[in-house]
Amino acid sequence: MPTLYVENLPEDLYEALRTRAREHGKSISAEVTSLLRENVPTPDELARRRSLLQCALRLRARRPRSTRRFPTAEEMQREDRLR
């Protein structure tokens, strides 16, 4: 497994990492790894996101099955009062 060293880390950032790691019951290294996993997408994750986007765009491009317009909230209230 590759090793990553970070030099010249600002003191306030290091303290924030240490505090966060302590709150989660992890080492600083484990906390940094967790943050990287959550925030840096892998090529597989990027492919999954592209696939999801394509699916959403296809769904958006489909024509609605009904040409009927939906009533506004005011129209539905008025209809309900007239019953």
PDB file of N, CA and C in Angstrom:
ATOM      1  N   MET A   1       0.855  -1.176   0.000  1.00  0.00           N
ATOM      2  CA  MET A   1       0.000   0.000   0.000  1.00  0.00           C
ATOM      3  C   MET A   1       0.898   1.236   0.000  1.00  0.00           C
ATOM      4  N   PRO A   2       0.625   2.206  -0.857  1.00  0.00           N
ATOM      5  CA  PRO A   2       1.436   3.415  -0.922  1.00  0.00           C
ATOM      6  C   PRO A   2       1.351   4.235   0.369  1.00  0.00           C
ATOM      7  N   THR A   3       2.371   5.003   0.617  1.00  0.00           N
ATOM      8  CA  THR A   3       2.428   5.878   1.779  1.00  0.00           C
ATOM      9  C   THR A   3       2.453   7.321   1.299  1.00  0.00           C
ATOM     10  N   LEU A   4       1.730   8.181   1.995  1.00  0.00           N
ATOM     11  CA  LEU A   4       1.662   9.594   1.640  1.00  0.00           C
ATOM     12  C   LEU A   4       2.188  10.413   2.811  1.00  0.00           C
ATOM     13  N   TYR A   5       3.148  11.276   2.553  1.00  0.00           N
ATOM     14  CA  TYR A   5       3.667  12.190   3.562  1.00  0.00           C
ATOM     15  C   TYR A   5       3.256  13.594   3.176  1.00  0.00           C
ATOM     16  N   VAL A   6       2.831  14.358   4.168  1.00  0.00           N
ATOM     17  CA  VAL A   6       2.434  15.747   3.912  1.00  0.00           C
ATOM     18  C   VAL A   6       3.347  16.648   4.737  1.00  0.00           C
ATOM     19  N   GLU A   7       4.014  17.555   4.066  1.00  0.00           N
ATOM     20  CA  GLU A   7       4.914  18.483   4.744  1.00  0.00           C
ATOM     21  C   GLU A   7       4.289  19.867   4.803  1.00  0.00           C
ATOM     22  N   ASN A   8       4.759  20.638   5.762  1.00  0.00           N
ATOM     23  CA  ASN A   8       4.361  22.044   5.925  1.00  0.00           C
ATOM     24  C   ASN A   8       2.854  22.210   6.111  1.00  0.00           C
ATOM     25  N   LEU A   9       2.260  21.316   6.866  1.00  0.00           N
ATOM     26  CA  LEU A   9       0.833  21.400   7.173  1.00  0.00           C
ATOM     27  C   LEU A   9       0.622  22.510   8.197  1.00  0.00           C
ATOM     28  N   PRO A  10      -0.280  23.440   7.947  1.00  0.00           N
ATOM     29  CA  PRO A  10      -0.523  24.510   8.920  1.00  0.00           C
ATOM     30  C   PRO A  10      -0.945  23.936  10.273  1.00  0.00           C
ATOM     31  N   GLU A  11      -0.466  24.568  11.322  1.00  0.00           N
ATOM     32  CA  GLU A  11      -0.708  24.091  12.688  1.00  0.00           C
ATOM     33  C   GLU A  11      -2.202  23.991  13.001  1.00  0.00           C
ATOM     34  N   ASP A  12      -2.989  24.995  12.584  1.00  0.00           N
ATOM     35  CA  ASP A  12      -4.422  24.972  12.882  1.00  0.00           C
ATOM     36  C   ASP A  12      -5.121  23.811  12.180  1.00  0.00           C
ATOM     37  N   LEU A  13      -4.689  23.480  10.970  1.00  0.00           N
ATOM     38  CA  LEU A  13      -5.277  22.355  10.252  1.00  0.00           C
ATOM     39  C   LEU A  13      -4.918  21.033  10.923  1.00  0.00           C
ATOM     40  N   TYR A  14      -3.664  20.936  11.361  1.00  0.00           N
ATOM     41  CA  TYR A  14      -3.238  19.722  12.059  1.00  0.00           C
ATOM     42  C   TYR A  14      -4.036  19.529  13.346  1.00  0.00           C
ATOM     43  N   GLU A  15      -4.233  20.611  14.082  1.00  0.00           N
ATOM     44  CA  GLU A  15      -5.000  20.528  15.335  1.00  0.00           C
ATOM     45  C   GLU A  15      -6.456  20.142  15.050  1.00  0.00           C
ATOM     46  N   ALA A  16      -7.026  20.672  13.963  1.00  0.00           N
ATOM     47  CA  ALA A  16      -8.399  20.318  13.601  1.00  0.00           C
ATOM     48  C   ALA A  16      -8.488  18.835  13.239  1.00  0.00           C
ATOM     49  N   LEU A  17      -7.473  18.334  12.518  1.00  0.00           N
ATOM     50  CA  LEU A  17      -7.441  16.906  12.186  1.00  0.00           C
ATOM     51  C   LEU A  17      -7.315  16.053  13.440  1.00  0.00           C
ATOM     52  N   ARG A  18      -6.445  16.480  14.344  1.00  0.00           N
ATOM     53  CA  ARG A  18      -6.253  15.712  15.570  1.00  0.00           C
ATOM     54  C   ARG A  18      -7.539  15.685  16.404  1.00  0.00           C
ATOM     55  N   THR A  19      -8.195  16.816  16.514  1.00  0.00           N
ATOM     56  CA  THR A  19      -9.460  16.882  17.262  1.00  0.00           C
ATOM     57  C   THR A  19     -10.517  15.992  16.618  1.00  0.00           C
ATOM     58  N   ARG A  20     -10.635  16.085  15.312  1.00  0.00           N
ATOM     59  CA  ARG A  20     -11.620  15.261  14.591  1.00  0.00           C
ATOM     60  C   ARG A  20     -11.322  13.779  14.743  1.00  0.00           C
ATOM     61  N   ALA A  21     -10.054  13.401  14.639  1.00  0.00           N
ATOM     62  CA  ALA A  21      -9.664  11.994  14.801  1.00  0.00           C
ATOM     63  C   ALA A  21     -10.005  11.505  16.199  1.00  0.00           C
ATOM     64  N   ARG A  22      -9.720  12.326  17.203  1.00  0.00           N
ATOM     65  CA  ARG A  22     -10.030  11.953  18.588  1.00  0.00           C
ATOM     66  C   ARG A  22     -11.538  11.760  18.770  1.00  0.00           C
ATOM     67  N   GLU A  23     -12.348  12.659  18.180  1.00  0.00           N
ATOM     68  CA  GLU A  23     -13.811  12.559  18.288  1.00  0.00           C
ATOM     69  C   GLU A  23     -14.340  11.285  17.653  1.00  0.00           C
ATOM     70  N   HIS A  24     -13.682  10.827  16.589  1.00  0.00           N
ATOM     71  CA  HIS A  24     -14.120   9.618  15.891  1.00  0.00           C
ATOM     72  C   HIS A  24     -13.405   8.359  16.379  1.00  0.00           C
ATOM     73  N   GLY A  25     -12.537   8.509  17.349  1.00  0.00           N
ATOM     74  CA  GLY A  25     -11.830   7.358  17.893  1.00  0.00           C
ATOM     75  C   GLY A  25     -10.851   6.741  16.902  1.00  0.00           C
ATOM     76  N   LYS A  26     -10.188   7.582  16.113  1.00  0.00           N
ATOM     77  CA  LYS A  26      -9.261   7.111  15.092  1.00  0.00           C
ATOM     78  C   LYS A  26      -7.916   7.789  15.268  1.00  0.00           C
ATOM     79  N   SER A  27      -6.921   7.229  14.604  1.00  0.00           N
ATOM     80  CA  SER A  27      -5.632   7.916  14.517  1.00  0.00           C
ATOM     81  C   SER A  27      -5.767   9.028  13.483  1.00  0.00           C
ATOM     82  N   ILE A  28      -4.820   9.946  13.492  1.00  0.00           N
ATOM     83  CA  ILE A  28      -4.852  11.022  12.505  1.00  0.00           C
ATOM     84  C   ILE A  28      -4.748  10.437  11.096  1.00  0.00           C
ATOM     85  N   SER A  29      -3.896   9.452  10.936  1.00  0.00           N
ATOM     86  CA  SER A  29      -3.734   8.814   9.627  1.00  0.00           C
ATOM     87  C   SER A  29      -5.044   8.181   9.155  1.00  0.00           C
ATOM     88  N   ALA A  30      -5.731   7.470  10.056  1.00  0.00           N
ATOM     89  CA  ALA A  30      -7.001   6.833   9.690  1.00  0.00           C
ATOM     90  C   ALA A  30      -8.063   7.884   9.367  1.00  0.00           C
ATOM     91  N   GLU A  31      -8.041   8.991  10.097  1.00  0.00           N
ATOM     92  CA  GLU A  31      -9.009  10.057   9.840  1.00  0.00           C
ATOM     93  C   GLU A  31      -8.753  10.700   8.478  1.00  0.00           C
ATOM     94  N   VAL A  32      -7.493  10.947   8.145  1.00  0.00           N
ATOM     95  CA  VAL A  32      -7.157  11.525   6.839  1.00  0.00           C
ATOM     96  C   VAL A  32      -7.565  10.570   5.729  1.00  0.00           C
ATOM     97  N   THR A  33      -7.305   9.278   5.910  1.00  0.00           N
ATOM     98  CA  THR A  33      -7.710   8.281   4.909  1.00  0.00           C
ATOM     99  C   THR A  33      -9.220   8.295   4.727  1.00  0.00           C
ATOM    100  N   SER A  34      -9.950   8.371   5.832  1.00  0.00           N
ATOM    101  CA  SER A  34     -11.411   8.421   5.774  1.00  0.00           C
ATOM    102  C   SER A  34     -11.890   9.666   5.026  1.00  0.00           C
ATOM    103  N   LEU A  35     -11.296  10.801   5.309  1.00  0.00           N
ATOM    104  CA  LEU A  35     -11.674  12.042   4.623  1.00  0.00           C
ATOM    105  C   LEU A  35     -11.371  11.965   3.131  1.00  0.00           C
ATOM    106  N   LEU A  36     -10.230  11.379   2.783  1.00  0.00           N
ATOM    107  CA  LEU A  36      -9.893  11.240   1.365  1.00  0.00           C
ATOM    108  C   LEU A  36     -10.874  10.306   0.655  1.00  0.00           C
ATOM    109  N   ARG A  37     -11.245   9.210   1.306  1.00  0.00           N
ATOM    110  CA  ARG A  37     -12.221   8.277   0.709  1.00  0.00           C
ATOM    111  C   ARG A  37     -13.555   8.961   0.443  1.00  0.00           C
ATOM    112  N   GLU A  38     -13.969   9.818   1.367  1.00  0.00           N
ATOM    113  CA  GLU A  38     -15.256  10.503   1.239  1.00  0.00           C
ATOM    114  C   GLU A  38     -15.234  11.600   0.175  1.00  0.00           C
ATOM    115  N   ASN A  39     -14.067  12.209  -0.054  1.00  0.00           N
ATOM    116  CA  ASN A  39     -14.028  13.426  -0.854  1.00  0.00           C
ATOM    117  C   ASN A  39     -13.245  13.353  -2.164  1.00  0.00           C
ATOM    118  N   VAL A  40     -12.517  12.282  -2.393  1.00  0.00           N
ATOM    119  CA  VAL A  40     -11.747  12.158  -3.638  1.00  0.00           C
ATOM    120  C   VAL A  40     -12.276  10.955  -4.409  1.00  0.00           C
ATOM    121  N   PRO A  41     -13.009  11.198  -5.490  1.00  0.00           N
ATOM    122  CA  PRO A  41     -13.599  10.076  -6.222  1.00  0.00           C
ATOM    123  C   PRO A  41     -12.548   9.279  -7.004  1.00  0.00           C
ATOM    124  N   THR A  42     -12.707   7.981  -6.997  1.00  0.00           N
ATOM    125  CA  THR A  42     -11.847   7.088  -7.774  1.00  0.00           C
ATOM    126  C   THR A  42     -12.375   7.023  -9.208  1.00  0.00           C
ATOM    127  N   PRO A  43     -11.599   6.479 -10.135  1.00  0.00           N
ATOM    128  CA  PRO A  43     -12.102   6.332 -11.510  1.00  0.00           C
ATOM    129  C   PRO A  43     -13.405   5.524 -11.573  1.00  0.00           C
ATOM    130  N   ASP A  44     -13.540   4.485 -10.744  1.00  0.00           N
ATOM    131  CA  ASP A  44     -14.789   3.711 -10.715  1.00  0.00           C
ATOM    132  C   ASP A  44     -15.963   4.568 -10.248  1.00  0.00           C
ATOM    133  N   GLU A  45     -15.727   5.399  -9.230  1.00  0.00           N
ATOM    134  CA  GLU A  45     -16.780   6.278  -8.722  1.00  0.00           C
ATOM    135  C   GLU A  45     -17.171   7.315  -9.775  1.00  0.00           C
ATOM    136  N   LEU A  46     -16.188   7.865 -10.478  1.00  0.00           N
ATOM    137  CA  LEU A  46     -16.492   8.831 -11.540  1.00  0.00           C
ATOM    138  C   LEU A  46     -17.307   8.183 -12.654  1.00  0.00           C
ATOM    139  N   ALA A  47     -16.978   6.944 -13.006  1.00  0.00           N
ATOM    140  CA  ALA A  47     -17.742   6.224 -14.037  1.00  0.00           C
ATOM    141  C   ALA A  47     -19.171   5.983 -13.567  1.00  0.00           C
ATOM    142  N   ARG A  48     -19.332   5.632 -12.295  1.00  0.00           N
ATOM    143  CA  ARG A  48     -20.673   5.409 -11.750  1.00  0.00           C
ATOM    144  C   ARG A  48     -21.484   6.709 -11.779  1.00  0.00           C
ATOM    145  N   ARG A  49     -20.845   7.814 -11.438  1.00  0.00           N
ATOM    146  CA  ARG A  49     -21.532   9.114 -11.459  1.00  0.00           C
ATOM    147  C   ARG A  49     -21.931   9.508 -12.882  1.00  0.00           C
ATOM    148  N   ARG A  50     -21.027   9.265 -13.856  1.00  0.00           N
ATOM    149  CA  ARG A  50     -21.359   9.583 -15.256  1.00  0.00           C
ATOM    150  C   ARG A  50     -22.542   8.743 -15.726  1.00  0.00           C
ATOM    151  N   SER A  51     -22.548   7.473 -15.354  1.00  0.00           N
ATOM    152  CA  SER A  51     -23.646   6.592 -15.731  1.00  0.00           C
ATOM    153  C   SER A  51     -24.966   7.075 -15.125  1.00  0.00           C
ATOM    154  N   LEU A  52     -24.918   7.479 -13.871  1.00  0.00           N
ATOM    155  CA  LEU A  52     -26.116   7.983 -13.198  1.00  0.00           C
ATOM    156  C   LEU A  52     -26.605   9.268 -13.853  1.00  0.00           C
ATOM    157  N   LEU A  53     -25.666  10.148 -14.213  1.00  0.00           N
ATOM    158  CA  LEU A  53     -26.036  11.388 -14.890  1.00  0.00           C
ATOM    159  C   LEU A  53     -26.688  11.101 -16.238  1.00  0.00           C
ATOM    160  N   GLN A  54     -26.123  10.174 -17.010  1.00  0.00           N
ATOM    161  CA  GLN A  54     -26.701   9.820 -18.307  1.00  0.00           C
ATOM    162  C   GLN A  54     -28.117   9.275 -18.143  1.00  0.00           C
ATOM    163  N   CYS A  55     -28.313   8.450 -17.127  1.00  0.00           N
ATOM    164  CA  CYS A  55     -29.643   7.890 -16.860  1.00  0.00           C
ATOM    165  C   CYS A  55     -30.624   9.011 -16.512  1.00  0.00           C
ATOM    166  N   ALA A  56     -30.195   9.945 -15.677  1.00  0.00           N
ATOM    167  CA  ALA A  56     -31.055  11.071 -15.298  1.00  0.00           C
ATOM    168  C   ALA A  56     -31.389  11.939 -16.503  1.00  0.00           C
ATOM    169  N   LEU A  57     -30.405  12.178 -17.366  1.00  0.00           N
ATOM    170  CA  LEU A  57     -30.663  12.983 -18.558  1.00  0.00           C
ATOM    171  C   LEU A  57     -31.628  12.286 -19.511  1.00  0.00           C
ATOM    172  N   ARG A  58     -31.519  10.955 -19.629  1.00  0.00           N
ATOM    173  CA  ARG A  58     -32.468  10.210 -20.478  1.00  0.00           C
ATOM    174  C   ARG A  58     -33.879  10.309 -19.912  1.00  0.00           C
ATOM    175  N   LEU A  59     -34.014  10.180 -18.600  1.00  0.00           N
ATOM    176  CA  LEU A  59     -35.336  10.288 -17.982  1.00  0.00           C
ATOM    177  C   LEU A  59     -35.915  11.689 -18.169  1.00  0.00           C
ATOM    178  N   ARG A  60     -35.068  12.686 -18.048  1.00  0.00           N
ATOM    179  CA  ARG A  60     -35.520  14.067 -18.201  1.00  0.00           C
ATOM    180  C   ARG A  60     -35.967  14.364 -19.627  1.00  0.00           C
ATOM    181  N   ALA A  61     -35.321  13.728 -20.597  1.00  0.00           N
ATOM    182  CA  ALA A  61     -35.629  13.987 -22.003  1.00  0.00           C
ATOM    183  C   ALA A  61     -36.906  13.293 -22.468  1.00  0.00           C
ATOM    184  N   ARG A  62     -37.350  12.290 -21.700  1.00  0.00           N
ATOM    185  CA  ARG A  62     -38.569  11.583 -22.114  1.00  0.00           C
ATOM    186  C   ARG A  62     -39.767  12.506 -22.059  1.00  0.00           C
ATOM    187  N   ARG A  63     -40.658  12.314 -22.998  1.00  0.00           N
ATOM    188  CA  ARG A  63     -41.875  13.118 -23.016  1.00  0.00           C
ATOM    189  C   ARG A  63     -42.831  12.619 -21.945  1.00  0.00           C
ATOM    190  N   PRO A  64     -43.574  13.531 -21.356  1.00  0.00           N
ATOM    191  CA  PRO A  64     -44.561  13.088 -20.372  1.00  0.00           C
ATOM    192  C   PRO A  64     -45.644  12.254 -21.049  1.00  0.00           C
ATOM    193  N   ARG A  65     -46.135  11.257 -20.345  1.00  0.00           N
ATOM    194  CA  ARG A  65     -47.156  10.370 -20.916  1.00  0.00           C
ATOM    195  C   ARG A  65     -48.508  11.064 -21.026  1.00  0.00           C
ATOM    196  N   SER A  66     -48.737  12.019 -20.173  1.00  0.00           N
ATOM    197  CA  SER A  66     -50.015  12.706 -20.172  1.00  0.00           C
ATOM    198  C   SER A  66     -49.831  14.139 -20.661  1.00  0.00           C
ATOM    199  N   THR A  67     -50.768  14.584 -21.474  1.00  0.00           N
ATOM    200  CA  THR A  67     -50.738  15.969 -21.919  1.00  0.00           C
ATOM    201  C   THR A  67     -51.642  16.823 -21.043  1.00  0.00           C
ATOM    202  N   ARG A  68     -52.283  16.182 -20.085  1.00  0.00           N
ATOM    203  CA  ARG A  68     -53.185  16.878 -19.183  1.00  0.00           C
ATOM    204  C   ARG A  68     -52.392  17.766 -18.228  1.00  0.00           C
ATOM    205  N   ARG A  69     -52.867  18.959 -18.020  1.00  0.00           N
ATOM    206  CA  ARG A  69     -52.180  19.859 -17.104  1.00  0.00           C
ATOM    207  C   ARG A  69     -52.697  19.626 -15.686  1.00  0.00           C
ATOM    208  N   PHE A  70     -51.814  19.764 -14.727  1.00  0.00           N
ATOM    209  CA  PHE A  70     -52.193  19.571 -13.333  1.00  0.00           C
ATOM    210  C   PHE A  70     -52.772  20.856 -12.782  1.00  0.00           C
ATOM    211  N   PRO A  71     -53.814  20.752 -11.935  1.00  0.00           N
ATOM    212  CA  PRO A  71     -54.429  21.960 -11.377  1.00  0.00           C
ATOM    213  C   PRO A  71     -53.491  22.623 -10.370  1.00  0.00           C
ATOM    214  N   THR A  72     -53.642  23.941 -10.241  1.00  0.00           N
ATOM    215  CA  THR A  72     -52.863  24.676  -9.247  1.00  0.00           C
ATOM    216  C   THR A  72     -53.465  24.424  -7.873  1.00  0.00           C
ATOM    217  N   ALA A  73     -52.753  24.816  -6.834  1.00  0.00           N
ATOM    218  CA  ALA A  73     -53.240  24.649  -5.467  1.00  0.00           C
ATOM    219  C   ALA A  73     -54.539  25.435  -5.264  1.00  0.00           C
ATOM    220  N   GLU A  74     -54.589  26.630  -5.844  1.00  0.00           N
ATOM    221  CA  GLU A  74     -55.798  27.452  -5.707  1.00  0.00           C
ATOM    222  C   GLU A  74     -56.994  26.772  -6.368  1.00  0.00           C
ATOM    223  N   GLU A  75     -56.779  26.182  -7.540  1.00  0.00           N
ATOM    224  CA  GLU A  75     -57.875  25.500  -8.237  1.00  0.00           C
ATOM    225  C   GLU A  75     -58.369  24.306  -7.432  1.00  0.00           C
ATOM    226  N   MET A  76     -57.451  23.572  -6.821  1.00  0.00           N
ATOM    227  CA  MET A  76     -57.868  22.409  -6.020  1.00  0.00           C
ATOM    228  C   MET A  76     -58.635  22.854  -4.786  1.00  0.00           C
ATOM    229  N   GLN A  77     -58.221  23.949  -4.142  1.00  0.00           N
ATOM    230  CA  GLN A  77     -58.942  24.455  -2.976  1.00  0.00           C
ATOM    231  C   GLN A  77     -60.335  24.927  -3.370  1.00  0.00           C
ATOM    232  N   ARG A  78     -60.415  25.637  -4.486  1.00  0.00           N
ATOM    233  CA  ARG A  78     -61.708  26.126  -4.954  1.00  0.00           C
ATOM    234  C   ARG A  78     -62.651  24.955  -5.245  1.00  0.00           C
ATOM    235  N   GLU A  79     -62.141  23.945  -5.904  1.00  0.00           N
ATOM    236  CA  GLU A  79     -62.936  22.747  -6.218  1.00  0.00           C
ATOM    237  C   GLU A  79     -63.416  22.077  -4.933  1.00  0.00           C
ATOM    238  N   ASP A  80     -62.533  22.016  -3.937  1.00  0.00           N
ATOM    239  CA  ASP A  80     -62.894  21.362  -2.679  1.00  0.00           C
ATOM    240  C   ASP A  80     -63.980  22.159  -1.960  1.00  0.00           C
ATOM    241  N   ARG A  81     -63.923  23.469  -2.012  1.00  0.00           N
ATOM    242  CA  ARG A  81     -64.936  24.314  -1.347  1.00  0.00           C
ATOM    243  C   ARG A  81     -66.303  24.175  -2.011  1.00  0.00           C
ATOM    244  N   LEU A  82     -66.305  23.924  -3.316  1.00  0.00           N
ATOM    245  CA  LEU A  82     -67.570  23.840  -4.048  1.00  0.00           C
ATOM    246  C   LEU A  82     -68.279  22.519  -3.824  1.00  0.00           C
ATOM    247  N   ARG A  83     -67.607  21.545  -3.220  1.00  0.00           N
ATOM    248  CA  ARG A  83     -68.265  20.250  -2.974  1.00  0.00           C
ATOM    249  C   ARG A  83     -69.279  20.343  -1.892  1.00  0.00           C
TER     250      ARG A  83
END
